[in-house]
Amino acid sequence: MSDVASVLIDLFLIFLAAKGAGEVFERLGQPPVIGELLAGVLIGPHALGLLGTPRPGLIAAFHGDPASAAEALRLVYHVVAELGVIVLLFSVGLETRVSDLLRVGPRALLVGVLGIALPFALGLGFMVLQPTQQLTDAFTATALVATSVGITARVMRDLGVLGTVEARIILGAAVIDDILAMLLLAVVVALSGGGAASPWGLALLLGQAIGFVAFVTLVGTRVVGRYSVHFERLRIENAPFALALLITLGLATLSGVIGLAAIIGAFLAGMVLAEAREQYQLEHQTRPLVQFLVPFFFVVTGAEVDLGVFTDPAVVALAGGLTFLAIVGKFAGGTIGAWGGGAPDRRLRSAAVVGVGMVPRGEVGLIIAGIGRSRGVIPDDIFSAIVIMSIATTLAAPPLLKWLYRSWPGTLTAETARA
């Protein structure tokens, strides 16, 4: 069997598991994303082992080195998964206009700031009570702050509620959340290296991030709004869609170079192209890509889960505390920040949706914990606790979001046109 064929088998298994689990959970009345995550756990290297183990053909391509082959296979998984979440956030951006986000700007800003400050403060206070080093406490608290908006975006897309006020607040807060989390991580990483975070360095980092978002949002939308009519004059086949994908990959790459998550660039690309005259056509053409690539992201994320971490009671207890604080911090930050006008009953329900939507940590918490682990700051037991926290917050949000929207559909969607 060739090395390419062995990789294709794994991709086939991932897609098959995603669609099969999604069908089952749809029939059970649950968001399919939960089925995809759990399918990844089941077929991953820590359970059935159908993924992550390189086959002989791939090992032979790496001169008989199984470790190198396994790392290469893992890289393939993550590249395909990253493409999936990039396409997802691009499609979400296509359904979001800059004017919509500006209307909820103050509340999104408050949600983003509180969503960083409260989980970090709670996590740091909790870790100070543990017999750990200060840097360990700081890294652990940082792992609690970043929201994995891909989970929430997928659920809202499946429910058809991306046009609601709550969705706009969450998406706007996600951009702010990512910038602030990046700065916080930069400080903690600098401290773990034995140095101090330079104020000028942080100011430059913040300026780059804000400048990138502002330039793409304000300038990009005007350029596309004025000149998108000329897209059709290009000679390449299906020029508007090809150019849209080029812009998306370009902004996702540039976002990663600056230090932001690639999905922020993809979301901004979609939001810019939402102003194009071909917006409806682009949205329609993107759907097959979303259906094909997005499930890879959630299955690969689930495959990272090591069920063995649940066998240590001390780790589970620590994880329980971190999970509780992670949920409370994000939910409180989102709820307080999103509290708006209108009837008290509507305010509570709307704010609750935003609070729940900001809860998932997903792969973001794992990435931050992995950085700390690679620097020798996060020990194995705390790393395992963070893994459990990431799993729990990721699995908790989708059913809660679905319940909130299905319980009060009229109240939450009627405000869309008036926001």
Protein backbone atom coordinates (compact mmCIF):
# COMPACT_ATOMS: atom_id res chain seq x y z
CA MET A 1 0.00 0.00 0.00
CA SER A 2 1.38 3.42 -0.96
CA ASP A 3 1.93 6.19 1.56
CA VAL A 4 -0.77 8.33 -0.07
CA ALA A 5 -3.31 5.49 0.04
CA SER A 6 -2.68 4.93 3.75
CA VAL A 7 -3.39 8.59 4.50
CA LEU A 8 -6.53 8.53 2.34
CA ILE A 9 -7.81 5.57 4.35
CA ASP A 10 -7.54 7.63 7.54
CA LEU A 11 -9.33 10.59 5.95
CA PHE A 12 -12.06 8.22 4.76
CA LEU A 13 -12.48 6.84 8.28
CA ILE A 14 -12.66 10.34 9.76
CA PHE A 15 -15.35 11.46 7.32
CA LEU A 16 -17.31 8.21 7.67
CA ALA A 17 -17.26 8.43 11.47
CA ALA A 18 -18.27 12.12 11.39
CA LYS A 19 -21.26 11.60 9.12
CA GLY A 20 -22.38 8.41 10.86
CA ALA A 21 -22.22 9.98 14.32
CA GLY A 22 -23.83 13.18 13.06
CA GLU A 23 -26.76 11.19 11.68
CA VAL A 24 -27.23 9.37 14.98
CA PHE A 25 -27.18 12.55 17.05
CA GLU A 26 -29.55 14.32 14.65
CA ARG A 27 -32.01 11.47 15.17
CA LEU A 28 -31.55 11.82 18.94
CA GLY A 29 -32.37 15.51 18.70
CA GLN A 30 -28.84 16.64 19.63
CA PRO A 31 -26.39 18.87 17.73
CA PRO A 32 -24.38 16.74 15.26
CA VAL A 33 -21.17 18.45 16.38
CA ILE A 34 -21.32 16.48 19.64
CA GLY A 35 -21.50 13.24 17.67
CA GLU A 36 -18.50 14.29 15.60
CA LEU A 37 -16.45 15.12 18.70
CA LEU A 38 -17.34 11.83 20.37
CA ALA A 39 -16.66 9.93 17.15
CA GLY A 40 -13.15 11.37 17.24
CA VAL A 41 -12.71 10.22 20.83
CA LEU A 42 -13.89 6.71 19.88
CA ILE A 43 -11.70 6.15 16.81
CA GLY A 44 -8.76 8.14 18.11
CA PRO A 45 -5.36 6.75 19.16
CA HIS A 46 -6.39 6.64 22.83
CA ALA A 47 -9.48 4.45 22.28
CA LEU A 48 -9.95 2.14 19.26
CA GLY A 49 -6.71 3.36 17.69
CA LEU A 50 -8.07 3.61 14.16
CA LEU A 51 -6.33 6.97 13.79
CA GLY A 52 -2.83 8.10 14.57
CA THR A 53 -1.02 4.85 13.80
CA PRO A 54 0.95 5.05 10.53
CA ARG A 55 0.62 2.10 8.17
CA PRO A 56 3.64 0.28 6.68
CA GLY A 57 3.54 2.25 3.43
CA LEU A 58 3.82 5.56 5.25
CA ILE A 59 6.54 4.27 7.58
CA ALA A 60 8.52 3.08 4.57
CA ALA A 61 8.27 6.58 3.07
CA PHE A 62 10.03 7.87 6.20
CA HIS A 63 12.85 5.32 5.93
CA GLY A 64 11.38 3.00 8.55
CA ASP A 65 11.02 5.64 11.27
CA PRO A 66 7.57 5.14 12.91
CA ALA A 67 7.86 8.27 15.07
CA SER A 68 8.47 10.55 12.09
CA ALA A 69 5.67 8.87 10.14
CA ALA A 70 3.26 9.32 13.07
CA GLU A 71 4.16 13.01 13.37
CA ALA A 72 3.67 13.51 9.64
CA LEU A 73 0.29 11.79 9.82
CA ARG A 74 -0.71 14.01 12.72
CA LEU A 75 0.33 17.05 10.69
CA VAL A 76 -1.90 15.95 7.81
CA TYR A 77 -4.85 15.59 10.21
CA HIS A 78 -4.31 19.06 11.60
CA VAL A 79 -3.86 20.73 8.20
CA VAL A 80 -7.15 19.26 6.97
CA ALA A 81 -8.82 20.13 10.28
CA GLU A 82 -7.52 23.70 10.10
CA LEU A 83 -8.88 24.04 6.57
CA GLY A 84 -12.22 22.85 7.91
CA VAL A 85 -12.47 25.46 10.64
CA ILE A 86 -11.19 28.18 8.26
CA VAL A 87 -13.98 27.36 5.80
CA LEU A 88 -16.50 27.29 8.67
CA LEU A 89 -15.59 30.76 9.93
CA PHE A 90 -15.45 32.09 6.36
CA SER A 91 -19.01 30.89 5.80
CA VAL A 92 -20.07 32.45 9.12
CA GLY A 93 -18.47 35.74 8.05
CA LEU A 94 -20.42 35.66 4.78
CA GLU A 95 -23.60 35.86 6.84
CA THR A 96 -22.32 38.75 8.98
CA ARG A 97 -22.06 42.36 7.87
CA VAL A 98 -19.78 44.94 9.46
CA SER A 99 -22.78 47.17 10.14
CA ASP A 100 -24.38 44.34 12.12
CA LEU A 101 -21.31 43.99 14.35
CA LEU A 102 -20.96 47.75 14.84
CA ARG A 103 -24.48 47.88 16.22
CA VAL A 104 -23.52 45.49 19.01
CA GLY A 105 -19.95 46.80 19.31
CA PRO A 106 -20.08 48.11 22.91
CA ARG A 107 -21.66 44.93 24.24
CA ALA A 108 -19.28 42.73 22.23
CA LEU A 109 -16.32 44.69 23.65
CA LEU A 110 -17.59 44.24 27.20
CA VAL A 111 -18.22 40.52 26.62
CA GLY A 112 -14.71 40.08 25.24
CA VAL A 113 -13.01 41.93 28.10
CA LEU A 114 -15.02 40.33 30.90
CA GLY A 115 -14.72 36.95 29.19
CA ILE A 116 -10.94 37.22 29.59
CA ALA A 117 -10.70 38.93 32.99
CA LEU A 118 -13.14 36.82 35.00
CA PRO A 119 -11.93 33.30 34.00
CA PHE A 120 -8.30 34.35 34.44
CA ALA A 121 -8.93 35.85 37.89
CA LEU A 122 -10.95 32.83 39.04
CA GLY A 123 -8.44 30.35 37.63
CA LEU A 124 -5.46 32.15 39.12
CA GLY A 125 -7.15 32.40 42.52
CA PHE A 126 -7.94 28.68 42.45
CA MET A 127 -4.44 27.65 41.38
CA VAL A 128 -2.78 29.81 44.04
CA LEU A 129 -4.42 27.51 46.59
CA GLN A 130 -2.70 24.49 44.99
CA PRO A 131 0.89 23.42 45.77
CA THR A 132 2.19 24.63 42.42
CA GLN A 133 4.63 27.21 41.07
CA GLN A 134 3.49 30.71 40.18
CA LEU A 135 4.22 30.20 36.48
CA THR A 136 2.17 27.01 36.52
CA ASP A 137 -0.70 28.96 38.07
CA ALA A 138 -0.42 31.68 35.40
CA PHE A 139 -0.33 29.22 32.48
CA THR A 140 -3.27 27.25 33.86
CA ALA A 141 -5.34 30.40 34.32
CA THR A 142 -4.45 31.49 30.78
CA ALA A 143 -5.74 28.16 29.42
CA LEU A 144 -9.14 29.09 30.85
CA VAL A 145 -9.57 32.38 28.98
CA ALA A 146 -9.70 31.71 25.22
CA THR A 147 -13.01 30.79 23.58
CA SER A 148 -13.14 28.27 20.73
CA VAL A 149 -15.73 30.12 18.67
CA GLY A 150 -15.73 27.40 15.99
CA ILE A 151 -17.86 25.18 18.23
CA THR A 152 -20.45 27.89 18.87
CA ALA A 153 -20.46 29.05 15.25
CA ARG A 154 -21.13 25.50 14.06
CA VAL A 155 -24.09 25.06 16.42
CA MET A 156 -25.59 28.42 15.49
CA ARG A 157 -25.16 27.68 11.82
CA ASP A 158 -26.87 24.31 12.22
CA LEU A 159 -29.76 25.98 14.06
CA GLY A 160 -30.03 28.75 11.44
CA VAL A 161 -29.61 31.57 13.98
CA LEU A 162 -26.44 33.30 12.75
CA GLY A 163 -28.53 36.38 12.03
CA THR A 164 -29.58 36.92 15.65
CA VAL A 165 -28.25 39.70 17.86
CA GLU A 166 -26.73 37.12 20.17
CA ALA A 167 -24.71 35.56 17.37
CA ARG A 168 -23.36 38.97 16.36
CA ILE A 169 -22.28 39.75 19.91
CA ILE A 170 -20.53 36.38 20.22
CA LEU A 171 -18.69 36.80 16.91
CA GLY A 172 -17.64 40.35 17.71
CA ALA A 173 -16.51 39.32 21.19
CA ALA A 174 -14.56 36.40 19.70
CA VAL A 175 -12.32 38.79 17.75
CA ILE A 176 -11.68 40.90 20.87
CA ASP A 177 -11.27 37.75 22.97
CA ASP A 178 -8.61 36.41 20.63
CA ILE A 179 -6.59 39.65 20.66
CA LEU A 180 -6.64 39.90 24.45
CA ALA A 181 -5.88 36.18 24.91
CA MET A 182 -2.93 36.53 22.53
CA LEU A 183 -1.53 39.40 24.62
CA LEU A 184 -2.03 37.51 27.87
CA LEU A 185 -0.33 34.43 26.44
CA ALA A 186 2.57 36.59 25.22
CA VAL A 187 3.09 37.90 28.76
CA VAL A 188 2.99 34.44 30.34
CA VAL A 189 5.32 32.93 27.72
CA ALA A 190 7.80 35.75 28.27
CA LEU A 191 7.73 35.14 32.02
CA SER A 192 8.22 31.39 31.53
CA GLY A 193 11.36 32.15 29.54
CA GLY A 194 12.89 33.87 32.53
CA GLY A 195 12.39 37.37 31.17
CA ALA A 196 9.80 40.09 31.44
CA ALA A 197 7.28 41.01 28.82
CA SER A 198 8.44 44.23 27.18
CA PRO A 199 5.79 46.97 27.28
CA TRP A 200 6.91 48.13 23.83
CA GLY A 201 6.74 44.59 22.51
CA LEU A 202 3.22 44.12 23.83
CA ALA A 203 2.17 47.51 22.49
CA LEU A 204 3.52 46.54 19.05
CA LEU A 205 1.69 43.20 19.21
CA LEU A 206 -1.55 44.92 20.19
CA GLY A 207 -1.11 47.55 17.48
CA GLN A 208 -0.53 44.92 14.81
CA ALA A 209 -3.60 42.94 15.84
CA ILE A 210 -5.92 45.94 16.08
CA GLY A 211 -4.51 47.47 12.91
CA PHE A 212 -5.00 44.23 11.00
CA VAL A 213 -8.61 43.82 12.12
CA ALA A 214 -9.47 47.50 11.56
CA PHE A 215 -7.83 47.70 8.13
CA VAL A 216 -9.46 44.53 6.81
CA THR A 217 -12.85 45.44 8.26
CA LEU A 218 -13.07 49.11 7.30
CA VAL A 219 -10.98 49.31 4.13
CA GLY A 220 -11.67 45.82 2.81
CA THR A 221 -15.45 46.18 2.93
CA ARG A 222 -15.34 49.46 1.00
CA VAL A 223 -13.03 48.07 -1.66
CA VAL A 224 -15.13 44.94 -2.14
CA GLY A 225 -18.37 46.90 -2.13
CA ARG A 226 -17.09 49.17 -4.89
CA TYR A 227 -15.14 46.79 -7.11
CA SER A 228 -16.71 43.35 -6.66
CA VAL A 229 -18.74 43.86 -9.81
CA HIS A 230 -15.49 43.48 -11.75
CA PHE A 231 -14.83 39.96 -10.40
CA GLU A 232 -16.77 38.44 -13.28
CA ARG A 233 -14.45 40.04 -15.82
CA LEU A 234 -11.62 37.69 -14.85
CA ARG A 235 -11.01 34.89 -17.35
CA ILE A 236 -10.54 32.05 -14.82
CA GLU A 237 -13.48 29.73 -14.30
CA ASN A 238 -15.83 30.69 -11.46
CA ALA A 239 -13.68 33.74 -10.76
CA PRO A 240 -15.62 35.24 -7.79
CA PHE A 241 -15.46 32.01 -5.78
CA ALA A 242 -11.82 31.36 -6.64
CA LEU A 243 -10.91 34.91 -5.61
CA ALA A 244 -12.92 34.53 -2.40
CA LEU A 245 -10.96 31.41 -1.45
CA LEU A 246 -7.70 33.18 -2.27
CA ILE A 247 -8.61 36.11 -0.02
CA THR A 248 -9.69 33.74 2.75
CA LEU A 249 -6.47 31.73 2.75
CA GLY A 250 -4.42 34.89 2.46
CA LEU A 251 -6.06 36.62 5.43
CA ALA A 252 -6.01 33.40 7.49
CA THR A 253 -2.28 33.09 6.84
CA LEU A 254 -1.61 36.75 7.62
CA SER A 255 -3.65 36.43 10.80
CA GLY A 256 -1.51 33.51 11.91
CA VAL A 257 1.70 35.40 11.10
CA ILE A 258 0.58 38.31 13.29
CA GLY A 259 -0.20 35.94 16.14
CA LEU A 260 -3.97 35.76 15.94
CA ALA A 261 -5.86 32.57 15.26
CA ALA A 262 -6.15 31.79 11.55
CA ILE A 263 -9.92 31.58 11.91
CA ILE A 264 -10.06 35.31 12.75
CA GLY A 265 -8.61 36.11 9.32
CA ALA A 266 -11.05 33.70 7.69
CA PHE A 267 -14.00 35.27 9.51
CA LEU A 268 -12.89 38.76 8.47
CA ALA A 269 -12.56 37.56 4.85
CA GLY A 270 -16.13 36.30 4.90
CA MET A 271 -17.39 39.50 6.53
CA VAL A 272 -15.63 41.63 3.90
CA LEU A 273 -17.03 39.54 1.04
CA ALA A 274 -20.50 39.77 2.56
CA GLU A 275 -20.52 43.25 1.00
CA ALA A 276 -19.92 41.83 -2.49
CA ARG A 277 -22.71 41.67 -5.04
CA GLU A 278 -21.97 37.96 -5.39
CA GLN A 279 -22.52 37.36 -1.65
CA TYR A 280 -25.51 35.04 -2.10
CA GLN A 281 -23.72 33.12 -4.85
CA LEU A 282 -20.59 32.74 -2.67
CA GLU A 283 -22.65 31.56 0.27
CA HIS A 284 -24.32 28.93 -1.87
CA GLN A 285 -21.02 27.74 -3.38
CA THR A 286 -19.36 27.49 0.04
CA ARG A 287 -21.91 25.05 1.49
CA PRO A 288 -20.45 21.89 -0.11
CA LEU A 289 -16.99 22.85 1.19
CA VAL A 290 -18.42 23.35 4.67
CA GLN A 291 -20.18 19.98 4.61
CA PHE A 292 -17.02 18.22 3.45
CA LEU A 293 -14.21 19.89 5.41
CA VAL A 294 -15.75 21.05 8.69
CA PRO A 295 -16.40 17.56 10.17
CA PHE A 296 -12.66 16.83 9.96
CA PHE A 297 -11.98 19.60 12.46
CA PHE A 298 -14.33 18.22 15.10
CA VAL A 299 -13.32 14.57 14.70
CA VAL A 300 -9.61 15.44 14.86
CA THR A 301 -10.26 17.59 17.95
CA GLY A 302 -12.03 14.66 19.61
CA ALA A 303 -9.21 12.30 18.68
CA GLU A 304 -6.83 14.37 20.83
CA VAL A 305 -8.69 13.25 23.95
CA ASP A 306 -6.93 10.67 26.11
CA LEU A 307 -9.56 8.80 28.11
CA GLY A 308 -6.84 7.60 30.44
CA VAL A 309 -6.83 10.97 32.20
CA PHE A 310 -10.20 10.12 33.71
CA THR A 311 -8.76 7.23 35.75
CA ASP A 312 -6.93 9.40 38.30
CA PRO A 313 -9.38 10.72 40.97
CA ALA A 314 -7.04 13.56 41.96
CA VAL A 315 -6.81 14.76 38.36
CA VAL A 316 -10.59 14.50 37.93
CA ALA A 317 -11.13 16.52 41.12
CA LEU A 318 -8.72 19.23 39.96
CA ALA A 319 -10.36 19.19 36.54
CA GLY A 320 -13.78 19.55 38.16
CA GLY A 321 -12.68 22.72 39.91
CA LEU A 322 -11.11 24.18 36.77
CA THR A 323 -14.15 23.25 34.65
CA PHE A 324 -16.56 24.86 37.11
CA LEU A 325 -14.55 28.08 37.18
CA ALA A 326 -14.07 28.05 33.40
CA ILE A 327 -17.81 27.80 32.84
CA VAL A 328 -18.76 30.29 35.55
CA GLY A 329 -16.15 32.84 34.42
CA LYS A 330 -17.10 32.81 30.75
CA PHE A 331 -20.84 32.56 31.41
CA ALA A 332 -20.76 35.45 33.89
CA GLY A 333 -18.59 37.58 31.59
CA GLY A 334 -20.82 36.91 28.60
CA THR A 335 -24.07 37.40 30.48
CA ILE A 336 -23.04 40.64 32.19
CA GLY A 337 -21.46 42.05 29.05
CA ALA A 338 -24.41 41.20 26.81
CA TRP A 339 -27.07 42.59 29.13
CA GLY A 340 -29.05 45.06 27.04
CA GLY A 341 -32.30 46.93 26.87
CA GLY A 342 -35.83 45.65 26.48
CA ALA A 343 -38.02 43.56 28.72
CA PRO A 344 -36.23 41.90 31.67
CA ASP A 345 -37.31 38.45 30.49
CA ARG A 346 -35.79 38.98 27.05
CA ARG A 347 -32.60 40.48 28.49
CA LEU A 348 -32.02 37.41 30.65
CA ARG A 349 -32.61 34.95 27.83
CA SER A 350 -30.50 36.84 25.31
CA ALA A 351 -27.62 37.30 27.76
CA ALA A 352 -27.76 33.61 28.68
CA VAL A 353 -27.26 32.64 25.02
CA VAL A 354 -24.17 34.85 24.77
CA GLY A 355 -22.84 33.50 28.07
CA VAL A 356 -23.22 29.89 26.97
CA GLY A 357 -21.86 30.67 23.50
CA MET A 358 -18.59 31.92 25.00
CA VAL A 359 -18.04 28.80 27.16
CA PRO A 360 -16.32 26.27 24.79
CA ARG A 361 -12.53 26.09 25.05
CA GLY A 362 -12.05 23.30 22.50
CA GLU A 363 -8.61 23.06 21.00
CA VAL A 364 -7.60 26.56 22.16
CA GLY A 365 -7.19 25.55 25.79
CA LEU A 366 -5.23 22.49 24.71
CA ILE A 367 -2.86 24.60 22.60
CA ILE A 368 -2.09 26.95 25.50
CA ALA A 369 -1.60 24.03 27.87
CA GLY A 370 0.65 22.36 25.31
CA ILE A 371 2.86 25.45 25.16
CA GLY A 372 3.19 25.39 28.92
CA ARG A 373 3.94 21.69 28.91
CA SER A 374 6.65 22.06 26.26
CA ARG A 375 8.32 24.69 28.45
CA GLY A 376 8.26 22.44 31.48
CA VAL A 377 5.83 24.71 33.33
CA ILE A 378 2.69 22.51 33.12
CA PRO A 379 3.13 19.07 34.77
CA ASP A 380 1.28 16.02 33.44
CA ASP A 381 -1.47 16.01 36.08
CA ILE A 382 -2.43 19.64 35.47
CA PHE A 383 -2.18 19.15 31.71
CA SER A 384 -4.62 16.25 32.02
CA ALA A 385 -6.95 18.40 34.13
CA ILE A 386 -6.93 21.09 31.43
CA VAL A 387 -7.71 18.43 28.84
CA ILE A 388 -10.77 17.37 30.83
CA MET A 389 -11.80 21.02 31.25
CA SER A 390 -11.54 21.59 27.48
CA ILE A 391 -13.61 18.49 26.75
CA ALA A 392 -16.29 19.34 29.30
CA THR A 393 -16.74 22.95 28.21
CA THR A 394 -16.80 21.91 24.56
CA LEU A 395 -19.46 19.24 25.10
CA ALA A 396 -21.58 21.33 27.47
CA ALA A 397 -22.21 24.31 25.18
CA PRO A 398 -23.93 22.76 22.10
CA PRO A 399 -26.92 21.12 23.88
CA LEU A 400 -27.38 24.18 26.10
CA LEU A 401 -27.37 26.51 23.10
CA LYS A 402 -29.87 24.32 21.30
CA TRP A 403 -32.11 24.22 24.36
CA LEU A 404 -31.98 28.01 24.79
CA TYR A 405 -32.86 28.69 21.16
CA ARG A 406 -35.52 26.02 20.94
CA SER A 407 -37.09 27.06 24.27
CA TRP A 408 -37.41 30.75 23.34
CA PRO A 409 -37.19 30.91 19.53
CA GLY A 410 -39.51 33.87 19.03
CA THR A 411 -37.96 36.04 21.70
CA LEU A 412 -34.40 35.56 20.49
CA THR A 413 -34.89 35.81 16.75
CA ALA A 414 -37.51 38.55 16.61
CA GLU A 415 -34.91 41.10 17.62
CA THR A 416 -32.75 40.39 14.58
CA ALA A 417 -34.40 42.90 12.31
CA ARG A 418 -34.50 45.62 14.98
CA ALA A 419 -30.92 45.26 16.27
